[in-house]
C-alpha cells in the first residue's frame, strides 16, 4: 500500500507535435487538477514533455507552456533519437522527482480518464501498471492484423510481452530505478519492463483517434520496432536457422542418393530447370539466413560501442507552482 497523495509525472515524448500539444496540455492540466482534488496526486505533480529533435516549433511551444502553465516541464534532446530513447530519457528524468511516472503519447489516443485507475492501483501497492487496449476497432484491418500477429509471434519466441499493450503504463520510482540498471542500446521497453519484476496489474481502456496531426509511427517504423523487439529479446531465430540447416543437409543427402540411383537405373533425364530452381532456392535461403545472422551481429556492434542513448540539450523545470 502506498499511502498519501503521490507525486505523479506524466511523461510524453514529442516529435513534431506543435499542432497537437496545446490541446494535449489543456486536457492533461484539467486532469491533473481533478486528480489532485480526488487525492490521487499532489501539488508537485507535473507533465514532462520530451522534445525528440522536432523539426517544427515544438520546443518553442514547450518553452512557452513551461512559462505559462504551472504543470509543464520540458526536456530537449540534442537530436532525434527515436520514440523509445526519448521515452527512456523522460522516465529517467522524472525518476529524480516523482513517486510514479505514467508514459503516454502526445496525440492523446491513450484515454486520459484511465489515469485515475493507474494511480489507484499504484496506491494499492503495484509498481507497474500496464494499459491494455480493450479492442482495436479504430485500427485498419492491416494494422490490427499485423499488430496482433506481432504479439503472438513474440510469445512464440519466448518474449514476455503484454498483449495489446504499447507504452501506456505506470512505473513506480522503485521500478524506474530497476529500469535504469538495464544498459542496452537497442531499446524495446515493452519487453524490458516485464523483466524488472515487482507487483504489476492491468488497466483496460479504449483507444481514441488522434486529436491533431499525423501518426509519427508509419509502417516502416512499426516494422523496425518489431524487428528490434524480436532480435533484442530472443535468439530463437538463430536456433531456427541452425535447425533449418540440419534439415536441408539431411534432405540433400537423400537427394544425392536419389540422383545416384536414378543415374544407375537409367531414369535420369537431362535438363537444367530443376538444377536452376534448386540453386536459386538454396541461394535465396542462404542469403536470408545470413541476413538474420547479420542483424544480430549489427546489434552486438551497437551494444559494444556503448554510445549514449540520448543527450539532453536543455531541461526546463518547475520549482513550484505559479499564480
Protein backbone atom coordinates (compact mmCIF):
# COMPACT_ATOMS: atom_id res chain seq x y z
CA UNK A 1 0.00 0.00 0.00
CA UNK A 2 1.34 3.44 -0.97
CA UNK A 3 -0.21 5.95 1.46
CA UNK A 4 -0.72 9.65 0.81
CA UNK A 5 -1.09 11.55 -2.42
CA UNK A 6 1.81 10.64 -4.76
CA UNK A 7 3.85 12.94 -6.95
CA UNK A 8 2.76 11.82 -10.42
CA UNK A 9 4.73 12.67 -13.55
CA UNK A 10 3.13 12.29 -16.98
CA UNK A 11 5.99 11.58 -19.40
CA UNK A 12 5.16 12.50 -23.01
CA UNK A 13 7.63 12.06 -25.91
CA UNK A 14 7.03 14.68 -28.61
CA UNK A 15 8.18 14.70 -32.23
CA UNK A 16 6.71 17.41 -34.46
CA UNK A 17 3.66 17.73 -32.20
CA UNK A 18 3.23 21.52 -32.46
CA UNK A 19 -0.32 21.08 -33.72
CA UNK A 20 -1.47 18.68 -31.00
CA UNK A 21 0.33 19.95 -27.91
CA UNK A 22 -1.92 22.92 -26.96
CA UNK A 23 -4.98 20.69 -26.68
CA UNK A 24 -2.97 17.88 -25.06
CA UNK A 25 -1.59 20.18 -22.37
CA UNK A 26 -5.02 21.72 -21.76
CA UNK A 27 -6.66 18.34 -21.20
CA UNK A 28 -3.86 17.00 -19.04
CA UNK A 29 -3.83 20.17 -16.95
CA UNK A 30 -7.53 19.70 -16.25
CA UNK A 31 -6.86 16.04 -15.47
CA UNK A 32 -4.07 16.78 -13.00
CA UNK A 33 -6.33 19.34 -11.28
CA UNK A 34 -9.03 16.69 -10.95
CA UNK A 35 -6.57 14.08 -9.68
CA UNK A 36 -5.34 16.48 -7.01
CA UNK A 37 -8.92 17.12 -5.89
CA UNK A 38 -9.59 13.36 -5.78
CA UNK A 39 -6.49 12.64 -3.69
CA UNK A 40 -4.71 10.78 -6.50
CA UNK A 41 -1.88 13.29 -6.99
CA UNK A 42 -0.26 16.08 -5.03
CA UNK A 43 0.68 19.64 -5.94
CA UNK A 44 4.18 18.60 -7.07
CA UNK A 45 2.80 16.51 -9.92
CA UNK A 46 3.86 17.53 -13.41
CA UNK A 47 3.71 16.68 -17.09
CA UNK A 48 7.17 16.24 -18.65
CA UNK A 49 7.28 16.95 -22.39
CA UNK A 50 10.32 15.44 -24.13
CA UNK A 51 11.17 17.04 -27.47
CA UNK A 52 12.82 14.35 -29.60
CA UNK A 53 14.64 16.67 -32.00
CA UNK A 54 11.47 18.05 -33.61
CA UNK A 55 11.78 19.97 -36.88
CA UNK A 56 8.79 22.25 -36.28
CA UNK A 57 8.14 24.68 -33.42
CA UNK A 58 7.51 22.01 -30.79
CA UNK A 59 10.32 23.09 -28.45
CA UNK A 60 9.45 26.78 -28.69
CA UNK A 61 5.87 25.87 -27.78
CA UNK A 62 7.05 23.72 -24.84
CA UNK A 63 9.16 26.66 -23.61
CA UNK A 64 6.14 28.99 -23.68
CA UNK A 65 3.95 26.42 -21.95
CA UNK A 66 6.60 25.98 -19.27
CA UNK A 67 6.41 29.72 -18.53
CA UNK A 68 2.62 29.92 -18.57
CA UNK A 69 1.49 26.58 -17.15
CA UNK A 70 2.44 25.53 -13.58
CA UNK A 71 2.38 21.84 -14.52
CA UNK A 72 4.62 21.82 -17.60
CA UNK A 73 8.28 20.81 -17.57
CA UNK A 74 10.34 20.18 -20.69
CA UNK A 75 13.38 18.28 -21.89
CA UNK A 76 15.01 18.95 -25.25
CA UNK A 77 17.16 16.22 -26.78
CA UNK A 78 20.19 17.34 -28.77
CA UNK A 79 18.94 15.43 -31.82
CA UNK A 80 16.30 12.93 -32.83
CA UNK A 81 16.87 9.58 -31.12
CA UNK A 82 13.56 7.84 -31.70
CA UNK A 83 10.49 7.30 -29.54
CA UNK A 84 11.96 4.64 -27.23
CA UNK A 85 15.06 6.68 -26.37
CA UNK A 86 13.03 9.85 -25.85
CA UNK A 87 10.65 7.95 -23.58
CA UNK A 88 13.52 6.48 -21.58
CA UNK A 89 15.05 9.94 -21.20
CA UNK A 90 11.77 11.27 -19.84
CA UNK A 91 11.38 8.39 -17.40
CA UNK A 92 14.94 8.71 -16.11
CA UNK A 93 14.49 12.47 -15.70
CA UNK A 94 11.17 12.05 -13.89
CA UNK A 95 12.65 9.38 -11.59
CA UNK A 96 14.54 12.09 -9.69
CA UNK A 97 11.35 13.90 -8.63
CA UNK A 98 8.36 11.56 -8.80
CA UNK A 99 6.77 8.79 -6.78
CA UNK A 100 5.46 7.27 -10.01
CA UNK A 101 5.57 8.13 -13.71
CA UNK A 102 2.98 7.42 -16.38
CA UNK A 103 4.08 7.37 -20.02
CA UNK A 104 1.62 8.30 -22.75
CA UNK A 105 1.60 9.67 -26.29
CA UNK A 106 1.21 13.34 -27.19
CA UNK A 107 -1.70 12.62 -29.54
CA UNK A 108 -3.93 11.56 -26.58
CA UNK A 109 -5.06 8.39 -28.29
CA UNK A 110 -4.49 6.87 -24.86
CA UNK A 111 -7.58 7.51 -22.73
CA UNK A 112 -6.62 10.08 -20.06
CA UNK A 113 -9.61 9.05 -17.93
CA UNK A 114 -7.73 5.81 -17.25
CA UNK A 115 -5.07 7.77 -15.31
CA UNK A 116 -7.22 7.54 -12.15
CA UNK A 117 -7.19 3.75 -12.35
CA UNK A 118 -3.42 3.69 -12.85
CA UNK A 119 -2.77 5.68 -9.69
CA UNK A 120 -5.42 3.79 -7.71
CA UNK A 121 -3.61 0.53 -8.46
CA UNK A 122 -0.29 2.16 -7.57
CA UNK A 123 -1.73 3.16 -4.19
CA UNK A 124 -2.81 -0.46 -3.71
CA UNK A 125 0.84 -1.48 -3.97
CA UNK A 126 1.55 -2.07 -7.68
CA UNK A 127 4.92 -0.97 -9.01
CA UNK A 128 3.98 -1.41 -12.68
CA UNK A 129 0.54 -0.92 -14.21
CA UNK A 130 0.06 -1.75 -17.90
CA UNK A 131 -2.50 0.00 -20.07
CA UNK A 132 -4.15 -2.63 -22.29
CA UNK A 133 -6.48 -1.85 -25.17
CA UNK A 134 -9.97 -3.36 -24.96
CA UNK A 135 -10.24 -3.63 -28.73
CA UNK A 136 -8.68 -2.34 -31.97
CA UNK A 137 -11.79 -1.03 -33.73
CA UNK A 138 -10.07 2.26 -34.62
CA UNK A 139 -7.25 0.46 -36.49
CA UNK A 140 -7.34 -0.56 -40.12
CA UNK A 141 -7.64 -4.28 -40.85
CA UNK A 142 -3.99 -4.40 -41.89
CA UNK A 143 -2.68 -2.64 -38.78
CA UNK A 144 -4.91 -4.68 -36.46
CA UNK A 145 -3.86 -7.99 -38.04
CA UNK A 146 -0.14 -7.21 -38.10
CA UNK A 147 -0.12 -5.78 -34.55
CA UNK A 148 -1.90 -8.77 -33.04
CA UNK A 149 0.29 -11.09 -35.10
CA UNK A 150 3.38 -9.37 -33.71
CA UNK A 151 2.35 -10.02 -30.10
CA UNK A 152 1.63 -13.66 -30.90
CA UNK A 153 4.99 -14.12 -32.63
CA UNK A 154 6.78 -12.55 -29.66
CA UNK A 155 5.06 -15.01 -27.33
CA UNK A 156 6.05 -17.93 -29.57
CA UNK A 157 9.66 -16.72 -29.44
CA UNK A 158 9.57 -16.74 -25.66
CA UNK A 159 9.46 -12.97 -25.10
CA UNK A 160 7.37 -11.83 -22.13
CA UNK A 161 5.20 -9.05 -23.55
CA UNK A 162 1.72 -7.90 -22.55
CA UNK A 163 -0.80 -8.48 -25.34
CA UNK A 164 -2.23 -5.26 -26.84
CA UNK A 165 -0.04 -3.09 -24.59
CA UNK A 166 2.09 -0.34 -26.13
CA UNK A 167 3.80 2.24 -23.92
CA UNK A 168 0.87 3.48 -21.82
CA UNK A 169 1.98 2.38 -18.36
CA UNK A 170 2.68 3.49 -14.82
CA UNK A 171 6.00 2.76 -13.14
CA UNK A 172 6.86 3.46 -9.51
CA UNK A 173 10.17 5.07 -8.60
CA UNK A 174 11.42 1.65 -7.49
CA UNK A 175 10.54 0.19 -10.89
CA UNK A 176 12.21 3.13 -12.64
CA UNK A 177 15.37 2.54 -10.62
CA UNK A 178 15.25 -1.07 -11.76
CA UNK A 179 14.84 0.02 -15.38
CA UNK A 180 17.87 2.31 -15.05
CA UNK A 181 20.05 -0.76 -14.46
CA UNK A 182 19.34 -2.06 -17.98
CA UNK A 183 22.07 -0.55 -20.11
CA UNK A 184 21.38 -1.93 -23.60
CA UNK A 185 21.47 0.48 -26.52
CA UNK A 186 18.81 -1.32 -28.59
CA UNK A 187 15.69 -0.37 -26.65
CA UNK A 188 12.38 -2.21 -26.63
CA UNK A 189 10.71 -1.04 -23.43
CA UNK A 190 7.66 -3.28 -23.86
CA UNK A 191 9.98 -6.25 -23.42
CA UNK A 192 12.31 -4.68 -20.83
CA UNK A 193 9.72 -3.55 -18.27
CA UNK A 194 8.30 -7.06 -17.56
CA UNK A 195 11.88 -8.21 -16.81
CA UNK A 196 12.04 -5.85 -13.83
CA UNK A 197 9.59 -7.91 -11.83
CA UNK A 198 7.72 -6.42 -8.85
CA UNK A 199 3.97 -6.46 -8.45
CA UNK A 200 2.03 -5.47 -11.56
CA UNK A 201 -1.56 -5.14 -12.76
CA UNK A 202 -3.56 -4.03 -15.80
CA UNK A 203 -5.89 -1.19 -16.71
CA UNK A 204 -8.13 -1.70 -19.74
CA UNK A 205 -9.12 1.26 -21.88
CA UNK A 206 -10.43 2.25 -25.31
CA UNK A 207 -8.06 3.99 -27.70
CA UNK A 208 -9.25 7.15 -29.44
CA UNK A 209 -8.43 8.92 -32.69
CA UNK A 210 -5.57 11.43 -32.77
CA UNK A 211 -6.62 14.89 -31.59
CA UNK A 212 -4.49 16.53 -34.30
CA UNK A 213 -1.60 15.95 -36.69
CA UNK A 214 -0.43 12.74 -38.31
CA UNK A 215 0.86 9.48 -36.88
CA UNK A 216 4.58 9.51 -36.08
CA UNK A 217 4.70 5.72 -36.37
CA UNK A 218 4.25 4.79 -40.05
CA UNK A 219 4.56 1.21 -41.28
CA UNK A 220 8.34 1.47 -41.73
CA UNK A 221 8.91 2.47 -38.10
CA UNK A 222 6.45 -0.14 -36.84
CA UNK A 223 8.34 -2.88 -38.69
CA UNK A 224 11.66 -1.58 -37.36
CA UNK A 225 10.31 -1.61 -33.79
CA UNK A 226 9.00 -5.16 -34.23
CA UNK A 227 12.35 -6.38 -35.56
CA UNK A 228 14.15 -4.63 -32.69
CA UNK A 229 11.87 -6.36 -30.23
CA UNK A 230 12.43 -9.80 -31.72
CA UNK A 231 16.20 -9.55 -32.13
CA UNK A 232 16.74 -7.86 -28.74
CA UNK A 233 14.87 -10.42 -26.69
CA UNK A 234 15.01 -13.76 -28.48
CA UNK A 235 17.73 -15.91 -30.05
CA UNK A 236 15.19 -18.38 -31.40
CA UNK A 237 15.60 -17.13 -35.00
CA UNK A 238 19.25 -18.19 -34.80
CA UNK A 239 18.24 -21.58 -33.44
CA UNK A 240 15.68 -21.95 -36.21
CA UNK A 241 18.39 -21.25 -38.79
CA UNK A 242 20.56 -23.98 -37.25
CA UNK A 243 17.68 -26.46 -37.28
CA UNK A 244 16.80 -25.48 -40.82
CA UNK A 245 20.40 -26.07 -41.89
CA UNK A 246 20.32 -29.56 -40.41
CA UNK A 247 17.06 -30.38 -42.20
CA UNK A 248 18.37 -29.10 -45.54
CA UNK A 249 21.58 -31.11 -45.10
CA UNK A 250 19.62 -34.30 -44.45
CA UNK A 251 17.36 -33.69 -47.43
CA UNK A 252 20.43 -33.03 -49.58
CA UNK A 253 21.82 -36.46 -48.67
CA UNK A 254 18.55 -38.10 -49.69
CA UNK A 255 18.56 -36.03 -52.87
CA UNK A 256 22.08 -37.19 -53.68
CA UNK A 257 21.12 -40.83 -53.13
CA UNK A 258 18.07 -40.41 -55.37
CA UNK A 259 20.23 -38.81 -58.08
CA UNK A 260 22.73 -41.69 -57.95
CA UNK A 261 20.01 -44.32 -58.08
CA UNK A 262 18.35 -42.52 -60.99
CA UNK A 263 21.66 -42.34 -62.84
CA UNK A 264 22.49 -46.04 -62.50
CA UNK A 265 18.90 -47.11 -63.14
CA UNK A 266 18.73 -45.05 -66.32
CA UNK A 267 15.91 -42.79 -65.11
CA UNK A 268 17.86 -39.56 -65.31
CA UNK A 269 16.64 -37.01 -67.86
CA UNK A 270 18.94 -34.22 -68.87
CA UNK A 271 17.66 -30.74 -68.11
CA UNK A 272 18.55 -27.64 -66.29
CA UNK A 273 15.20 -26.41 -64.86
CA UNK A 274 15.35 -28.39 -61.65
CA UNK A 275 19.02 -27.53 -61.14
CA UNK A 276 18.50 -23.81 -61.66
CA UNK A 277 15.44 -23.76 -59.40
CA UNK A 278 17.35 -25.59 -56.68
CA UNK A 279 20.28 -23.21 -56.91
CA UNK A 280 18.04 -20.14 -56.69
CA UNK A 281 16.01 -21.61 -53.81
CA UNK A 282 19.01 -22.59 -51.71
CA UNK A 283 20.85 -19.37 -52.62
CA UNK A 284 17.88 -17.27 -51.52
CA UNK A 285 17.55 -19.20 -48.27
CA UNK A 286 21.25 -18.77 -47.58
CA UNK A 287 21.02 -15.03 -48.14
CA UNK A 288 18.00 -14.85 -45.81
CA UNK A 289 19.85 -16.77 -43.11
CA UNK A 290 22.91 -14.57 -43.49
CA UNK A 291 20.66 -11.52 -43.19
CA UNK A 292 19.21 -12.75 -39.89
CA UNK A 293 22.68 -13.55 -38.53
CA UNK A 294 23.90 -10.16 -39.76
CA UNK A 295 21.06 -8.46 -37.91
CA UNK A 296 22.22 -9.98 -34.64
CA UNK A 297 25.83 -9.06 -35.38
CA UNK A 298 24.67 -5.50 -36.00
CA UNK A 299 23.02 -5.47 -32.57
CA UNK A 300 26.26 -6.66 -30.99
CA UNK A 301 28.12 -3.92 -32.88
CA UNK A 302 25.81 -1.25 -31.45
CA UNK A 303 25.99 -2.63 -27.92
CA UNK A 304 29.77 -2.98 -27.66
CA UNK A 305 30.30 0.64 -28.73
CA UNK A 306 28.07 1.66 -25.79
CA UNK A 307 27.35 5.11 -27.20
CA UNK A 308 24.97 7.36 -25.20
CA UNK A 309 21.35 6.53 -25.86
CA UNK A 310 20.39 10.22 -25.78
CA UNK A 311 21.86 13.58 -24.90
CA UNK A 312 19.88 16.32 -23.14
CA UNK A 313 20.41 19.80 -24.55
CA UNK A 314 18.05 21.70 -22.26
CA UNK A 315 15.87 20.94 -19.23
CA UNK A 316 13.04 23.24 -18.12
CA UNK A 317 11.77 22.58 -14.58
CA UNK A 318 9.17 23.96 -12.21
CA UNK A 319 10.38 24.54 -8.67
CA UNK A 320 6.93 25.48 -7.52
CA UNK A 321 3.55 26.38 -8.89
CA UNK A 322 2.96 29.85 -10.18
CA UNK A 323 -0.10 32.01 -9.89
